[in-house]
N, C-alpha and C. Protein backbone atom coordinates (compact mmCIF):
# COMPACT_ATOMS: atom_id res chain seq x y z
N UNK A 1 -15.60 -11.67 4.25
CA UNK A 1 -15.30 -10.66 5.26
C UNK A 1 -16.58 -10.83 6.20
N UNK A 2 -16.90 -11.92 6.94
CA UNK A 2 -18.18 -11.74 7.80
C UNK A 2 -17.82 -10.80 8.86
N UNK A 3 -18.98 -10.46 9.34
CA UNK A 3 -19.16 -9.78 10.39
C UNK A 3 -19.07 -8.25 9.92
N UNK A 4 -18.77 -7.75 8.96
CA UNK A 4 -18.52 -6.30 8.38
C UNK A 4 -19.39 -5.69 7.86
N UNK A 5 -19.82 -4.17 8.37
CA UNK A 5 -21.08 -3.78 7.43
C UNK A 5 -20.82 -3.75 5.74
N UNK A 6 -21.50 -3.16 5.27
CA UNK A 6 -21.29 -2.68 3.93
C UNK A 6 -20.20 -2.25 3.83
N UNK A 7 -20.19 -0.63 4.64
CA UNK A 7 -19.11 0.31 4.65
C UNK A 7 -18.19 -0.06 5.03
N UNK A 8 -18.02 -1.03 5.98
CA UNK A 8 -16.47 -1.26 6.28
C UNK A 8 -15.95 -2.51 5.33
N UNK A 9 -16.99 -2.93 4.67
CA UNK A 9 -16.35 -3.88 3.53
C UNK A 9 -15.56 -3.37 2.56
N UNK A 10 -16.81 -1.84 2.18
CA UNK A 10 -16.48 -1.30 1.05
C UNK A 10 -14.55 -0.43 1.34
N UNK A 11 -14.69 0.24 2.46
CA UNK A 11 -13.39 0.56 3.15
C UNK A 11 -12.21 -0.66 2.48
N UNK A 12 -12.44 -1.71 3.54
CA UNK A 12 -11.50 -2.76 3.62
C UNK A 12 -10.83 -2.94 2.07
N UNK A 13 -11.72 -3.31 1.24
CA UNK A 13 -11.28 -3.42 -0.22
C UNK A 13 -10.94 -2.17 -1.18
N UNK A 14 -11.24 -0.81 -0.29
CA UNK A 14 -10.68 0.28 -1.51
C UNK A 14 -9.13 0.21 -0.91
N UNK A 15 -8.97 0.21 0.61
CA UNK A 15 -7.76 0.58 1.29
C UNK A 15 -6.81 -1.03 0.82
N UNK A 16 -7.25 -2.55 0.17
CA UNK A 16 -6.35 -3.12 -0.17
C UNK A 16 -6.17 -2.83 -1.47
N UNK A 17 -7.16 -2.17 -2.51
CA UNK A 17 -6.92 -1.54 -3.74
C UNK A 17 -5.45 -0.64 -3.70
N UNK A 18 -5.93 0.26 -2.79
CA UNK A 18 -5.10 1.37 -2.88
C UNK A 18 -3.59 0.90 -2.14
N UNK A 19 -3.56 0.01 -1.03
CA UNK A 19 -2.13 -1.06 -0.98
C UNK A 19 -1.27 -1.48 -2.07
N UNK A 20 -2.04 -2.30 -2.83
CA UNK A 20 -1.49 -2.92 -4.20
C UNK A 20 -0.84 -1.80 -5.18
N UNK A 21 -1.89 -0.60 -5.29
CA UNK A 21 -1.38 0.43 -6.17
C UNK A 21 -0.11 1.05 -5.72
N UNK A 22 -0.09 1.61 -4.56
CA UNK A 22 1.03 2.22 -3.68
C UNK A 22 2.33 1.20 -3.83
N UNK A 23 2.47 -0.17 -3.44
CA UNK A 23 3.27 -0.75 -3.78
C UNK A 23 3.71 -1.22 -4.98
N UNK A 24 2.62 -1.31 -5.96
CA UNK A 24 3.31 -1.78 -7.62
C UNK A 24 3.29 -0.76 -8.79
N UNK A 25 3.21 0.42 -8.31
CA UNK A 25 3.30 1.28 -9.19
C UNK A 25 3.20 2.62 -8.48
N UNK A 26 3.76 3.70 -9.62
CA UNK A 26 4.37 4.96 -9.36
C UNK A 26 3.40 5.98 -9.28
N UNK A 27 2.04 6.08 -9.76
CA UNK A 27 0.77 6.64 -9.58
C UNK A 27 0.91 7.69 -8.36
N UNK A 28 0.51 8.85 -8.20
CA UNK A 28 0.67 9.73 -7.37
C UNK A 28 -0.77 9.46 -6.50
N UNK A 29 -0.21 10.02 -5.08
CA UNK A 29 -1.45 9.86 -4.17
C UNK A 29 -2.68 9.77 -4.53
N UNK A 30 -2.67 11.42 -5.36
CA UNK A 30 -4.28 11.64 -6.05
C UNK A 30 -4.65 10.76 -6.80
N UNK A 31 -4.13 10.44 -7.80
CA UNK A 31 -4.67 9.30 -8.78
C UNK A 31 -4.85 8.26 -7.86
N UNK A 32 -4.76 7.78 -7.06
CA UNK A 32 -4.69 6.29 -6.44
C UNK A 32 -6.17 6.51 -5.83
N UNK A 33 -6.39 7.61 -5.05
CA UNK A 33 -7.40 8.22 -4.09
C UNK A 33 -8.20 8.12 -5.33
N UNK A 34 -8.43 8.59 -6.60
CA UNK A 34 -9.40 8.42 -7.58
C UNK A 34 -9.92 7.18 -8.11
N UNK A 35 -8.70 6.20 -8.21
CA UNK A 35 -9.06 4.94 -8.86
C UNK A 35 -9.70 4.17 -7.87
N UNK A 36 -9.39 4.55 -6.55
CA UNK A 36 -10.17 3.73 -5.24
C UNK A 36 -11.07 4.32 -4.74
N UNK A 37 -12.16 4.87 -5.08
CA UNK A 37 -13.44 5.52 -5.23
C UNK A 37 -13.30 7.00 -4.34
N UNK A 38 -12.24 7.51 -3.81
CA UNK A 38 -12.40 9.00 -3.35
C UNK A 38 -12.28 9.68 -3.96
N UNK A 39 -12.95 11.09 -3.48
CA UNK A 39 -13.21 12.21 -4.14
C UNK A 39 -12.02 13.23 -4.49
N UNK A 40 -10.96 12.84 -3.07
CA UNK A 40 -9.67 13.81 -3.03
C UNK A 40 -8.96 13.10 -2.17
N UNK A 41 -7.86 13.64 -2.01
CA UNK A 41 -6.46 12.73 -1.76
C UNK A 41 -6.90 12.79 0.05
N UNK A 42 -7.24 13.88 0.27
CA UNK A 42 -7.15 14.14 1.63
C UNK A 42 -8.20 13.49 2.58
N UNK A 43 -9.58 13.09 2.15
CA UNK A 43 -10.20 12.09 2.53
C UNK A 43 -9.52 10.77 2.62
N UNK A 44 -8.77 10.37 1.53
CA UNK A 44 -8.21 9.03 0.84
C UNK A 44 -7.26 8.87 1.89
N UNK A 45 -6.41 9.89 2.16
CA UNK A 45 -5.09 9.70 3.37
C UNK A 45 -5.64 9.69 4.60
N UNK A 46 -6.65 10.39 4.93
CA UNK A 46 -7.23 10.29 6.39
C UNK A 46 -7.93 8.40 6.80
N UNK A 47 -8.43 8.32 5.73
CA UNK A 47 -9.12 7.02 5.96
C UNK A 47 -8.21 6.03 5.92
N UNK A 48 -7.08 6.05 5.04
CA UNK A 48 -5.92 5.36 4.96
C UNK A 48 -5.20 5.11 6.23
N UNK A 49 -4.62 6.39 6.64
CA UNK A 49 -4.26 6.30 8.08
C UNK A 49 -4.71 5.50 9.06
N UNK A 50 -6.40 6.12 9.05
CA UNK A 50 -7.22 5.10 10.13
C UNK A 50 -7.19 3.64 9.95
N UNK A 51 -6.88 3.08 8.86
CA UNK A 51 -7.03 1.80 8.76
C UNK A 51 -5.52 0.99 8.86
N UNK A 52 -4.56 2.01 8.89
CA UNK A 52 -3.17 1.14 8.03
C UNK A 52 -2.20 2.04 9.23
N UNK A 53 -2.70 2.73 9.83
CA UNK A 53 -1.31 3.52 10.91
C UNK A 53 -0.48 4.40 10.22
N UNK A 54 -0.79 4.69 9.03
CA UNK A 54 0.66 5.58 8.43
C UNK A 54 -0.41 6.11 7.43
N UNK A 55 0.05 7.03 7.03
CA UNK A 55 -0.22 8.06 5.55
C UNK A 55 0.08 7.00 4.34
N UNK A 56 -0.50 7.42 3.51
CA UNK A 56 -0.09 6.37 2.10
C UNK A 56 1.43 6.51 1.70
N UNK A 57 1.81 7.94 1.78
CA UNK A 57 2.84 8.22 1.13
C UNK A 57 4.19 7.67 2.03
N UNK A 58 3.59 7.77 3.49
CA UNK A 58 4.81 6.95 4.48
C UNK A 58 4.88 5.45 4.25
N UNK A 59 3.74 4.92 4.12
CA UNK A 59 3.39 3.62 4.10
C UNK A 59 4.01 3.14 2.45
N UNK A 60 3.85 3.61 1.35
CA UNK A 60 4.62 3.44 0.26
C UNK A 60 6.26 3.75 0.34
N UNK A 61 6.66 4.29 1.57
CA UNK A 61 8.06 4.56 1.54
C UNK A 61 8.56 3.11 2.02
N UNK A 62 7.70 3.14 3.28
CA UNK A 62 8.11 1.54 4.33
C UNK A 62 8.12 0.72 3.28
N UNK A 63 6.83 0.33 2.24
CA UNK A 63 6.95 -1.00 1.34
C UNK A 63 7.92 -1.18 0.76
N UNK A 64 8.29 0.06 -0.13
CA UNK A 64 9.39 0.21 -1.23
C UNK A 64 10.70 -0.20 -0.05
N UNK A 65 11.17 0.23 0.91
CA UNK A 65 12.18 -0.05 1.80
C UNK A 65 12.34 -1.71 2.06
N UNK A 66 10.76 -2.30 2.26
CA UNK A 66 10.98 -3.64 2.95
C UNK A 66 11.16 -4.68 1.45
N UNK A 67 10.57 -4.19 0.19
CA UNK A 67 10.95 -5.00 -0.77
C UNK A 67 12.71 -4.76 -1.54
N UNK A 68 13.04 -3.43 -0.95
CA UNK A 68 14.48 -3.58 -1.41
C UNK A 68 15.34 -4.02 -0.77
N UNK A 69 15.35 -4.14 0.69
CA UNK A 69 15.88 -5.12 1.74
C UNK A 69 15.74 -6.59 1.07
N UNK A 70 14.89 -6.91 0.97
CA UNK A 70 14.36 -8.25 0.78
C UNK A 70 15.02 -8.70 -0.55
N UNK A 71 15.14 -7.50 -1.66
CA UNK A 71 15.85 -8.04 -2.99
C UNK A 71 17.04 -7.69 -2.64
N UNK A 72 17.68 -7.41 -1.82
CA UNK A 72 19.09 -7.40 -1.52
C UNK A 72 19.09 -8.90 -0.59
N UNK A 73 18.59 -9.22 0.12
CA UNK A 73 18.79 -10.33 0.74
C UNK A 73 18.82 -11.81 0.08
N UNK A 74 18.18 -11.75 -1.21
CA UNK A 74 18.27 -12.66 -1.58
C UNK A 74 19.28 -12.74 -3.04
N UNK A 75 19.71 -11.59 -3.37
CA UNK A 75 20.87 -11.67 -4.29
C UNK A 75 22.41 -11.82 -3.34
N UNK A 76 22.07 -11.57 -1.77
CA UNK A 76 23.54 -11.82 -1.49
C UNK A 76 23.35 -13.33 -1.18
N UNK A 77 22.09 -13.97 -0.88
CA UNK A 77 21.95 -15.31 -0.60
C UNK A 77 22.81 -16.30 -2.17
N UNK A 78 21.80 -15.54 -3.30
CA UNK A 78 22.39 -16.22 -4.35
C UNK A 78 23.77 -15.89 -4.64
N UNK A 79 24.56 -15.00 -4.59
CA UNK A 79 26.21 -14.76 -4.68
C UNK A 79 26.72 -15.53 -3.60
N UNK A 80 26.45 -15.55 -2.53
CA UNK A 80 26.99 -16.58 -1.76
C UNK A 80 27.11 -18.05 -1.84
N UNK A 81 25.84 -18.11 -2.48
CA UNK A 81 25.35 -19.78 -3.07
C UNK A 81 26.55 -19.92 -4.33
N UNK A 82 26.71 -19.09 -5.05
CA UNK A 82 27.88 -19.14 -6.33
C UNK A 82 29.25 -19.07 -6.00
N UNK A 83 29.63 -19.17 -4.66
CA UNK A 83 30.85 -18.98 -4.38
C UNK A 83 31.48 -19.80 -3.71
């Protein structure tokens, strides 16, 4: 990640970790904030929204919906292939 300051790099890394945790676990936003190095969920949510355009809880809902739709699409294709 060339061209980033140390703080920008740290924030990007923390947000990427948060996105992975949001997408793959049922951990609370507070727990994810702590695991990503934020002292409180409010600051974490503020930084996340600034970087991703959505609050963590909304990003998780959107991501879970996308994953669900993808699974349904794969299942339908497999079902059609077996007919």
